[in-house]
Amino acid sequence: MKKIAVLLVFVLLFSNCEDKVDVDLNTTEPRLVIEAFINWFKDTPGNEQSIKLSLSAPFFDETVPPANGAAVFISDSNNNIYNFTEDGLTGIYKNNNFSPIIDETYTLTIVYNGETYTGTETLKSVVPIDYIEQNNDGGFTGEDIELKAFYTDPANIENYYFFEFISDIPVIPTLEVYDDEFTDGNQIFGFYTEEDLESGDIVTIRNYGISQRFYEFMFILLQQGSEENGGPFETQPTTVRGNCINTTNPSNYPLGYFRLSEVDELVYTVE
C-alpha cells in the first residue's frame, strides 16, 4: 500500500511539472544602441574604421535588429568630416579615410528616424605592452594558467587603460579597466586567467588608451556584470548611460558609447 502511495505522489509531481508557465515581461520601445569604437592600432594608418548601430530588443529575443538607414559622420576640431556608409543592411557603417590624431577631440553625429544623436570624445594614447609573464600555478587549485601583461605608466600624467583578452578557446573575452592613481610612473600589469587555458592556446591581448569618463562607464558596467551579479550580457540592474545624447528628444536617450583609443596589441602563445 505504501509503494502505491509513493508512486501516486511521483506521478502527480511530474504531471504538475508539465504545466506551461507564461512569464509576462514588461516591454519598452526599442532604443538606439551605439557601438562607436574608433581604434587606432599602433603602426597602422588607422584610416579604416566602423561603427555599429542596432536596436535594443526584449530579453528572450535571439536576434539583435540592426539600425538601418542612418546618416553617420564624425567631425574634428578643424571641421573635417568623415562620413560613414552602411554596409548593406548590416547596421555596420564604414569609413576608409579617417584621420586619427592623439588628443584631438571628435564629435559623432547620427541622424536616425528623424532624431539626432551626438557624442564628443578625445582620442587617447596608450603605452606599449612591455612583455608577458606566465604563471602555471595560479587559481584556487594551483593548476590554472595566469598571464600578466606588463606596461610602464608615464609619470606625472593621469592615465586610464582598458584591457581586452581574447583567447582561441570558446569563452567570452575578458575585459578589465585600470587607472594609475596609485601606480603613477610604475611598471604595472593587466591580469588574465582562464581555467581551460592550456599550452599552445593563443591569447590576443589589447591595451587601449581611454578617457576618465569611459573608465568610469566601463567600471560600473563590469561591476554589474561580475559573477556575483550574472554575466556581462544579462539584463543589468540599472541602465548605464554612455556619452551620447539625443538632442531632438532627450527622453529617448541611446545606449552605448563613443570611444576613440590608440591600441597596442600583442598575440601570445601559451607556453
C-alpha atoms as a PDB file:
ATOM      1  CA  MET A   1       0.000   0.000   0.000  1.00  0.00           C
ATOM      2  CA  LYS A   2       2.857   2.365   0.858  1.00  0.00           C
ATOM      3  CA  LYS A   3       4.549   1.670  -2.505  1.00  0.00           C
ATOM      4  CA  ILE A   4       1.338   2.527  -4.348  1.00  0.00           C
ATOM      5  CA  ALA A   5       1.021   5.820  -2.425  1.00  0.00           C
ATOM      6  CA  VAL A   6       4.616   6.813  -3.176  1.00  0.00           C
ATOM      7  CA  LEU A   7       4.128   6.012  -6.872  1.00  0.00           C
ATOM      8  CA  LEU A   8       0.988   8.163  -6.951  1.00  0.00           C
ATOM      9  CA  VAL A   9       2.882  11.124  -5.432  1.00  0.00           C
ATOM     10  CA  PHE A  10       5.597  10.875  -8.108  1.00  0.00           C
ATOM     11  CA  VAL A  11       3.007  10.746 -10.904  1.00  0.00           C
ATOM     12  CA  LEU A  12       1.300  13.847  -9.551  1.00  0.00           C
ATOM     13  CA  LEU A  13       4.584  15.727  -9.172  1.00  0.00           C
ATOM     14  CA  PHE A  14       5.774  15.000 -12.698  1.00  0.00           C
ATOM     15  CA  SER A  15       2.394  15.737 -14.250  1.00  0.00           C
ATOM     16  CA  ASN A  16       2.371  19.123 -12.478  1.00  0.00           C
ATOM     17  CA  CYS A  17       5.856  19.892 -13.858  1.00  0.00           C
ATOM     18  CA  GLU A  18       4.495  19.655 -17.383  1.00  0.00           C
ATOM     19  CA  ASP A  19       2.298  22.733 -16.928  1.00  0.00           C
ATOM     20  CA  LYS A  20       3.364  25.598 -19.185  1.00  0.00           C
ATOM     21  CA  VAL A  21       4.323  28.797 -17.365  1.00  0.00           C
ATOM     22  CA  ASP A  22       3.955  32.062 -19.261  1.00  0.00           C
ATOM     23  CA  VAL A  23       6.099  34.902 -17.945  1.00  0.00           C
ATOM     24  CA  ASP A  24       4.593  38.323 -18.570  1.00  0.00           C
ATOM     25  CA  LEU A  25       7.576  40.629 -19.124  1.00  0.00           C
ATOM     26  CA  ASN A  26       7.484  44.392 -19.368  1.00  0.00           C
ATOM     27  CA  THR A  27       8.269  45.738 -22.829  1.00  0.00           C
ATOM     28  CA  THR A  28       9.547  49.144 -23.874  1.00  0.00           C
ATOM     29  CA  GLU A  29      10.109  50.919 -27.143  1.00  0.00           C
ATOM     30  CA  PRO A  30      13.466  49.944 -28.678  1.00  0.00           C
ATOM     31  CA  ARG A  31      16.339  52.361 -28.178  1.00  0.00           C
ATOM     32  CA  LEU A  32      19.254  53.061 -30.468  1.00  0.00           C
ATOM     33  CA  VAL A  33      22.398  51.190 -29.364  1.00  0.00           C
ATOM     34  CA  ILE A  34      25.655  52.878 -30.420  1.00  0.00           C
ATOM     35  CA  GLU A  35      28.909  50.910 -30.636  1.00  0.00           C
ATOM     36  CA  ALA A  36      31.205  53.635 -31.951  1.00  0.00           C
ATOM     37  CA  PHE A  37      34.674  52.377 -31.057  1.00  0.00           C
ATOM     38  CA  ILE A  38      37.396  54.082 -33.094  1.00  0.00           C
ATOM     39  CA  ASN A  39      40.558  52.030 -32.579  1.00  0.00           C
ATOM     40  CA  TRP A  40      43.939  53.179 -33.894  1.00  0.00           C
ATOM     41  CA  PHE A  41      46.279  50.208 -33.657  1.00  0.00           C
ATOM     42  CA  LYS A  42      49.924  51.186 -33.308  1.00  0.00           C
ATOM     43  CA  ASP A  43      51.958  51.083 -36.555  1.00  0.00           C
ATOM     44  CA  THR A  44      48.834  51.224 -38.740  1.00  0.00           C
ATOM     45  CA  PRO A  45      47.299  54.203 -40.624  1.00  0.00           C
ATOM     46  CA  GLY A  46      44.045  53.937 -38.683  1.00  0.00           C
ATOM     47  CA  ASN A  47      42.087  55.112 -41.710  1.00  0.00           C
ATOM     48  CA  GLU A  48      39.637  52.178 -41.822  1.00  0.00           C
ATOM     49  CA  GLN A  49      37.008  52.438 -39.094  1.00  0.00           C
ATOM     50  CA  SER A  50      33.485  51.175 -38.472  1.00  0.00           C
ATOM     51  CA  ILE A  51      30.522  51.965 -36.244  1.00  0.00           C
ATOM     52  CA  LYS A  52      27.771  49.505 -35.348  1.00  0.00           C
ATOM     53  CA  LEU A  53      24.193  50.668 -34.780  1.00  0.00           C
ATOM     54  CA  SER A  54      21.474  48.355 -33.513  1.00  0.00           C
ATOM     55  CA  LEU A  55      18.223  48.474 -31.573  1.00  0.00           C
ATOM     56  CA  SER A  56      17.570  47.194 -28.075  1.00  0.00           C
ATOM     57  CA  ALA A  57      15.445  44.042 -28.027  1.00  0.00           C
ATOM     58  CA  PRO A  58      13.442  42.025 -25.470  1.00  0.00           C
ATOM     59  CA  PHE A  59      15.497  39.771 -23.208  1.00  0.00           C
ATOM     60  CA  PHE A  60      14.478  36.466 -24.802  1.00  0.00           C
ATOM     61  CA  ASP A  61      14.857  37.579 -28.432  1.00  0.00           C
ATOM     62  CA  GLU A  62      17.551  35.567 -30.205  1.00  0.00           C
ATOM     63  CA  THR A  63      18.480  38.287 -32.696  1.00  0.00           C
ATOM     64  CA  VAL A  64      19.503  41.918 -32.343  1.00  0.00           C
ATOM     65  CA  PRO A  65      17.900  44.103 -35.033  1.00  0.00           C
ATOM     66  CA  PRO A  66      20.272  46.437 -36.910  1.00  0.00           C
ATOM     67  CA  ALA A  67      19.519  50.145 -37.157  1.00  0.00           C
ATOM     68  CA  ASN A  68      19.364  50.690 -40.914  1.00  0.00           C
ATOM     69  CA  GLY A  69      19.338  53.874 -42.958  1.00  0.00           C
ATOM     70  CA  ALA A  70      21.078  56.214 -40.517  1.00  0.00           C
ATOM     71  CA  ALA A  71      23.250  59.169 -41.526  1.00  0.00           C
ATOM     72  CA  VAL A  72      26.525  58.840 -39.606  1.00  0.00           C
ATOM     73  CA  PHE A  73      29.559  61.096 -39.545  1.00  0.00           C
ATOM     74  CA  ILE A  74      32.425  62.191 -37.285  1.00  0.00           C
ATOM     75  CA  SER A  75      33.870  65.710 -37.261  1.00  0.00           C
ATOM     76  CA  ASP A  76      37.038  67.075 -35.648  1.00  0.00           C
ATOM     77  CA  SER A  77      38.014  70.486 -34.260  1.00  0.00           C
ATOM     78  CA  ASN A  78      39.212  71.580 -37.738  1.00  0.00           C
ATOM     79  CA  ASN A  79      35.787  70.856 -39.239  1.00  0.00           C
ATOM     80  CA  ASN A  80      36.986  67.800 -41.146  1.00  0.00           C
ATOM     81  CA  ILE A  81      34.037  65.498 -41.823  1.00  0.00           C
ATOM     82  CA  TYR A  82      34.321  61.700 -42.008  1.00  0.00           C
ATOM     83  CA  ASN A  83      31.183  60.094 -43.402  1.00  0.00           C
ATOM     84  CA  PHE A  84      30.308  56.501 -42.527  1.00  0.00           C
ATOM     85  CA  THR A  85      28.315  54.478 -45.066  1.00  0.00           C
ATOM     86  CA  GLU A  86      26.223  51.430 -44.149  1.00  0.00           C
ATOM     87  CA  ASP A  87      27.478  48.097 -45.454  1.00  0.00           C
ATOM     88  CA  GLY A  88      24.291  46.660 -46.958  1.00  0.00           C
ATOM     89  CA  LEU A  89      21.639  46.254 -44.272  1.00  0.00           C
ATOM     90  CA  THR A  90      24.018  45.140 -41.531  1.00  0.00           C
ATOM     91  CA  GLY A  91      23.803  48.214 -39.316  1.00  0.00           C
ATOM     92  CA  ILE A  92      27.599  48.483 -39.666  1.00  0.00           C
ATOM     93  CA  TYR A  93      28.729  51.834 -41.038  1.00  0.00           C
ATOM     94  CA  LYS A  94      32.217  52.115 -42.536  1.00  0.00           C
ATOM     95  CA  ASN A  95      34.749  54.806 -43.399  1.00  0.00           C
ATOM     96  CA  ASN A  96      38.148  54.337 -45.093  1.00  0.00           C
ATOM     97  CA  ASN A  97      39.685  57.823 -44.855  1.00  0.00           C
ATOM     98  CA  PHE A  98      39.560  58.560 -41.127  1.00  0.00           C
ATOM     99  CA  SER A  99      42.486  60.596 -39.762  1.00  0.00           C
ATOM    100  CA  PRO A 100      43.359  59.696 -36.130  1.00  0.00           C
ATOM    101  CA  ILE A 101      45.234  62.348 -34.129  1.00  0.00           C
ATOM    102  CA  ILE A 102      46.227  61.858 -30.487  1.00  0.00           C
ATOM    103  CA  ASP A 103      44.455  64.279 -28.101  1.00  0.00           C
ATOM    104  CA  GLU A 104      42.184  65.515 -30.897  1.00  0.00           C
ATOM    105  CA  THR A 105      38.533  65.992 -29.935  1.00  0.00           C
ATOM    106  CA  TYR A 106      35.958  64.390 -32.217  1.00  0.00           C
ATOM    107  CA  THR A 107      32.175  64.665 -32.384  1.00  0.00           C
ATOM    108  CA  LEU A 108      29.945  61.827 -33.547  1.00  0.00           C
ATOM    109  CA  THR A 109      26.620  62.709 -35.179  1.00  0.00           C
ATOM    110  CA  ILE A 110      23.919  60.178 -36.014  1.00  0.00           C
ATOM    111  CA  VAL A 111      20.578  61.006 -37.626  1.00  0.00           C
ATOM    112  CA  TYR A 112      18.167  58.099 -37.257  1.00  0.00           C
ATOM    113  CA  ASN A 113      14.366  58.030 -37.629  1.00  0.00           C
ATOM    114  CA  GLY A 114      14.244  61.827 -37.736  1.00  0.00           C
ATOM    115  CA  GLU A 115      16.168  62.251 -34.462  1.00  0.00           C
ATOM    116  CA  THR A 116      19.738  63.460 -33.991  1.00  0.00           C
ATOM    117  CA  TYR A 117      22.199  61.826 -31.612  1.00  0.00           C
ATOM    118  CA  THR A 118      25.608  63.282 -30.730  1.00  0.00           C
ATOM    119  CA  GLY A 119      28.624  62.410 -28.618  1.00  0.00           C
ATOM    120  CA  THR A 120      32.022  64.028 -28.068  1.00  0.00           C
ATOM    121  CA  GLU A 121      35.259  62.318 -27.043  1.00  0.00           C
ATOM    122  CA  THR A 122      39.049  62.711 -27.233  1.00  0.00           C
ATOM    123  CA  LEU A 123      41.404  60.183 -28.830  1.00  0.00           C
ATOM    124  CA  LYS A 124      43.687  58.902 -26.069  1.00  0.00           C
ATOM    125  CA  SER A 125      47.195  57.476 -26.465  1.00  0.00           C
ATOM    126  CA  VAL A 126      48.487  54.291 -24.847  1.00  0.00           C
ATOM    127  CA  VAL A 127      51.913  52.935 -23.891  1.00  0.00           C
ATOM    128  CA  PRO A 128      53.099  49.645 -25.422  1.00  0.00           C
ATOM    129  CA  ILE A 129      52.907  46.283 -23.666  1.00  0.00           C
ATOM    130  CA  ASP A 130      56.446  45.539 -22.435  1.00  0.00           C
ATOM    131  CA  TYR A 131      56.258  41.769 -22.002  1.00  0.00           C
ATOM    132  CA  ILE A 132      54.068  38.856 -20.840  1.00  0.00           C
ATOM    133  CA  GLU A 133      54.725  36.852 -17.674  1.00  0.00           C
ATOM    134  CA  GLN A 134      53.146  33.380 -17.387  1.00  0.00           C
ATOM    135  CA  ASN A 135      52.397  31.526 -14.148  1.00  0.00           C
ATOM    136  CA  ASN A 136      51.277  27.896 -14.379  1.00  0.00           C
ATOM    137  CA  ASP A 137      50.423  27.527 -10.678  1.00  0.00           C
ATOM    138  CA  GLY A 138      47.597  30.034 -10.364  1.00  0.00           C
ATOM    139  CA  GLY A 139      43.998  29.947  -9.203  1.00  0.00           C
ATOM    140  CA  PHE A 140      42.478  28.302  -6.133  1.00  0.00           C
ATOM    141  CA  THR A 141      43.617  24.875  -7.290  1.00  0.00           C
ATOM    142  CA  GLY A 142      47.160  25.963  -8.099  1.00  0.00           C
ATOM    143  CA  GLU A 143      46.714  24.490 -11.576  1.00  0.00           C
ATOM    144  CA  ASP A 144      45.369  27.440 -13.583  1.00  0.00           C
ATOM    145  CA  ILE A 145      47.455  29.409 -16.078  1.00  0.00           C
ATOM    146  CA  GLU A 146      47.749  33.134 -15.317  1.00  0.00           C
ATOM    147  CA  LEU A 147      49.091  35.822 -17.644  1.00  0.00           C
ATOM    148  CA  LYS A 148      50.343  39.275 -16.677  1.00  0.00           C
ATOM    149  CA  ALA A 149      50.741  41.860 -19.450  1.00  0.00           C
ATOM    150  CA  PHE A 150      53.250  44.423 -18.111  1.00  0.00           C
ATOM    151  CA  TYR A 151      53.324  48.047 -19.261  1.00  0.00           C
ATOM    152  CA  THR A 152      55.079  51.165 -17.947  1.00  0.00           C
ATOM    153  CA  ASP A 153      52.829  54.022 -16.924  1.00  0.00           C
ATOM    154  CA  PRO A 154      54.111  57.539 -17.816  1.00  0.00           C
ATOM    155  CA  ALA A 155      54.959  59.587 -14.717  1.00  0.00           C
ATOM    156  CA  ASN A 156      53.001  62.689 -13.698  1.00  0.00           C
ATOM    157  CA  ILE A 157      50.263  62.093 -16.288  1.00  0.00           C
ATOM    158  CA  GLU A 158      46.750  60.925 -15.444  1.00  0.00           C
ATOM    159  CA  ASN A 159      46.144  57.748 -17.466  1.00  0.00           C
ATOM    160  CA  TYR A 160      43.344  55.222 -17.858  1.00  0.00           C
ATOM    161  CA  TYR A 161      43.594  51.811 -19.512  1.00  0.00           C
ATOM    162  CA  PHE A 162      41.176  49.288 -20.961  1.00  0.00           C
ATOM    163  CA  PHE A 163      42.488  45.722 -21.405  1.00  0.00           C
ATOM    164  CA  GLU A 164      40.880  43.110 -23.628  1.00  0.00           C
ATOM    165  CA  PHE A 165      41.993  39.463 -23.526  1.00  0.00           C
ATOM    166  CA  ILE A 166      40.707  37.276 -26.378  1.00  0.00           C
ATOM    167  CA  SER A 167      41.633  33.589 -26.415  1.00  0.00           C
ATOM    168  CA  ASP A 168      41.057  30.929 -29.076  1.00  0.00           C
ATOM    169  CA  ILE A 169      39.064  28.795 -26.636  1.00  0.00           C
ATOM    170  CA  PRO A 170      35.257  29.247 -26.608  1.00  0.00           C
ATOM    171  CA  VAL A 171      34.890  31.735 -23.756  1.00  0.00           C
ATOM    172  CA  ILE A 172      33.726  35.332 -23.531  1.00  0.00           C
ATOM    173  CA  PRO A 173      36.630  37.822 -23.841  1.00  0.00           C
ATOM    174  CA  THR A 174      37.895  39.166 -20.524  1.00  0.00           C
ATOM    175  CA  LEU A 175      37.648  42.941 -20.090  1.00  0.00           C
ATOM    176  CA  GLU A 176      39.400  44.990 -17.408  1.00  0.00           C
ATOM    177  CA  VAL A 177      39.927  48.701 -16.714  1.00  0.00           C
ATOM    178  CA  TYR A 178      42.781  50.292 -14.750  1.00  0.00           C
ATOM    179  CA  ASP A 179      43.802  53.764 -13.630  1.00  0.00           C
ATOM    180  CA  ASP A 180      47.176  54.994 -12.382  1.00  0.00           C
ATOM    181  CA  GLU A 181      46.013  56.752  -9.213  1.00  0.00           C
ATOM    182  CA  PHE A 182      48.261  54.572  -7.032  1.00  0.00           C
ATOM    183  CA  THR A 183      50.714  53.341  -9.682  1.00  0.00           C
ATOM    184  CA  ASP A 184      51.747  56.551 -11.453  1.00  0.00           C
ATOM    185  CA  GLY A 185      55.096  56.157 -13.208  1.00  0.00           C
ATOM    186  CA  ASN A 186      55.468  52.468 -12.311  1.00  0.00           C
ATOM    187  CA  GLN A 187      55.520  49.265 -14.307  1.00  0.00           C
ATOM    188  CA  ILE A 188      52.193  47.529 -13.750  1.00  0.00           C
ATOM    189  CA  PHE A 189      50.188  44.803 -15.479  1.00  0.00           C
ATOM    190  CA  GLY A 190      46.865  43.702 -16.867  1.00  0.00           C
ATOM    191  CA  PHE A 191      45.829  40.309 -15.477  1.00  0.00           C
ATOM    192  CA  TYR A 192      44.218  37.343 -17.246  1.00  0.00           C
ATOM    193  CA  THR A 193      43.359  33.810 -16.193  1.00  0.00           C
ATOM    194  CA  GLU A 194      41.035  31.159 -17.590  1.00  0.00           C
ATOM    195  CA  GLU A 195      40.680  27.674 -16.107  1.00  0.00           C
ATOM    196  CA  ASP A 196      40.501  25.989 -19.539  1.00  0.00           C
ATOM    197  CA  LEU A 197      43.622  27.704 -20.865  1.00  0.00           C
ATOM    198  CA  GLU A 198      46.290  25.237 -21.998  1.00  0.00           C
ATOM    199  CA  SER A 199      49.751  25.214 -23.553  1.00  0.00           C
ATOM    200  CA  GLY A 200      49.533  26.104 -27.234  1.00  0.00           C
ATOM    201  CA  ASP A 201      46.422  28.275 -26.886  1.00  0.00           C
ATOM    202  CA  ILE A 202      46.655  31.739 -28.412  1.00  0.00           C
ATOM    203  CA  VAL A 203      45.638  34.863 -26.490  1.00  0.00           C
ATOM    204  CA  THR A 204      45.270  38.248 -28.181  1.00  0.00           C
ATOM    205  CA  ILE A 205      45.994  41.000 -25.667  1.00  0.00           C
ATOM    206  CA  ARG A 206      44.942  44.577 -26.386  1.00  0.00           C
ATOM    207  CA  ASN A 207      45.627  47.640 -24.278  1.00  0.00           C
ATOM    208  CA  TYR A 208      43.502  50.704 -25.104  1.00  0.00           C
ATOM    209  CA  GLY A 209      44.129  54.287 -24.000  1.00  0.00           C
ATOM    210  CA  ILE A 210      40.825  55.666 -22.696  1.00  0.00           C
ATOM    211  CA  SER A 211      39.340  58.767 -21.120  1.00  0.00           C
ATOM    212  CA  GLN A 212      38.353  59.041 -17.475  1.00  0.00           C
ATOM    213  CA  ARG A 213      34.682  59.094 -18.462  1.00  0.00           C
ATOM    214  CA  PHE A 214      34.945  55.824 -20.383  1.00  0.00           C
ATOM    215  CA  TYR A 215      36.888  54.295 -17.482  1.00  0.00           C
ATOM    216  CA  GLU A 216      34.018  55.177 -15.122  1.00  0.00           C
ATOM    217  CA  PHE A 217      31.433  53.901 -17.631  1.00  0.00           C
ATOM    218  CA  MET A 218      33.188  50.542 -18.034  1.00  0.00           C
ATOM    219  CA  PHE A 219      33.943  50.242 -14.314  1.00  0.00           C
ATOM    220  CA  ILE A 220      30.229  50.418 -13.490  1.00  0.00           C
ATOM    221  CA  LEU A 221      29.298  48.130 -16.381  1.00  0.00           C
ATOM    222  CA  LEU A 222      31.846  45.487 -15.378  1.00  0.00           C
ATOM    223  CA  GLN A 223      30.788  45.699 -11.722  1.00  0.00           C
ATOM    224  CA  GLN A 224      27.198  44.973 -12.729  1.00  0.00           C
ATOM    225  CA  GLY A 225      28.318  42.132 -14.986  1.00  0.00           C
ATOM    226  CA  SER A 226      30.546  40.430 -12.406  1.00  0.00           C
ATOM    227  CA  GLU A 227      29.963  36.824 -11.333  1.00  0.00           C
ATOM    228  CA  GLU A 228      28.037  37.967  -8.283  1.00  0.00           C
ATOM    229  CA  ASN A 229      25.526  39.793 -10.479  1.00  0.00           C
ATOM    230  CA  GLY A 230      25.380  37.490 -13.529  1.00  0.00           C
ATOM    231  CA  GLY A 231      27.128  37.546 -16.897  1.00  0.00           C
ATOM    232  CA  PRO A 232      28.065  40.681 -18.856  1.00  0.00           C
ATOM    233  CA  PHE A 233      25.292  40.041 -21.413  1.00  0.00           C
ATOM    234  CA  GLU A 234      22.496  39.545 -18.887  1.00  0.00           C
ATOM    235  CA  THR A 235      19.962  42.222 -18.002  1.00  0.00           C
ATOM    236  CA  GLN A 236      21.687  44.837 -15.868  1.00  0.00           C
ATOM    237  CA  PRO A 237      20.217  46.100 -12.548  1.00  0.00           C
ATOM    238  CA  THR A 238      20.310  49.686 -13.803  1.00  0.00           C
ATOM    239  CA  THR A 239      20.821  51.368 -17.156  1.00  0.00           C
ATOM    240  CA  VAL A 240      24.396  52.574 -17.601  1.00  0.00           C
ATOM    241  CA  ARG A 241      24.304  55.746 -19.690  1.00  0.00           C
ATOM    242  CA  GLY A 242      27.129  56.464 -22.124  1.00  0.00           C
ATOM    243  CA  ASN A 243      28.372  59.759 -23.556  1.00  0.00           C
ATOM    244  CA  CYS A 244      25.855  60.045 -26.420  1.00  0.00           C
ATOM    245  CA  ILE A 245      22.641  62.067 -26.166  1.00  0.00           C
ATOM    246  CA  ASN A 246      19.516  62.559 -28.241  1.00  0.00           C
ATOM    247  CA  THR A 247      19.417  66.272 -28.996  1.00  0.00           C
ATOM    248  CA  THR A 248      15.982  66.038 -30.651  1.00  0.00           C
ATOM    249  CA  ASN A 249      14.197  64.049 -27.965  1.00  0.00           C
ATOM    250  CA  PRO A 250      16.318  63.760 -24.755  1.00  0.00           C
ATOM    251  CA  SER A 251      13.927  61.258 -23.134  1.00  0.00           C
ATOM    252  CA  ASN A 252      14.637  58.819 -25.982  1.00  0.00           C
ATOM    253  CA  TYR A 253      18.287  58.531 -24.993  1.00  0.00           C
ATOM    254  CA  PRO A 254      20.552  55.985 -26.703  1.00  0.00           C
ATOM    255  CA  LEU A 255      22.601  53.187 -25.165  1.00  0.00           C
ATOM    256  CA  GLY A 256      26.276  52.515 -25.842  1.00  0.00           C
ATOM    257  CA  TYR A 257      29.339  54.721 -26.142  1.00  0.00           C
ATOM    258  CA  PHE A 258      31.541  56.767 -28.486  1.00  0.00           C
ATOM    259  CA  ARG A 259      35.208  55.998 -27.734  1.00  0.00           C
ATOM    260  CA  LEU A 260      38.492  56.760 -29.518  1.00  0.00           C
ATOM    261  CA  SER A 261      41.655  54.924 -28.496  1.00  0.00           C
ATOM    262  CA  GLU A 262      45.178  54.220 -29.544  1.00  0.00           C
ATOM    263  CA  VAL A 263      45.648  50.465 -29.142  1.00  0.00           C
ATOM    264  CA  ASP A 264      48.670  48.245 -28.562  1.00  0.00           C
ATOM    265  CA  GLU A 265      48.114  44.603 -29.495  1.00  0.00           C
ATOM    266  CA  LEU A 266      50.229  41.560 -28.638  1.00  0.00           C
ATOM    267  CA  VAL A 267      49.443  37.982 -29.704  1.00  0.00           C
ATOM    268  CA  TYR A 268      50.768  35.493 -27.138  1.00  0.00           C
ATOM    269  CA  THR A 269      51.079  31.704 -27.438  1.00  0.00           C
ATOM    270  CA  VAL A 270      50.674  29.985 -24.073  1.00  0.00           C
ATOM    271  CA  GLU A 271      53.810  28.030 -23.176  1.00  0.00           C
END
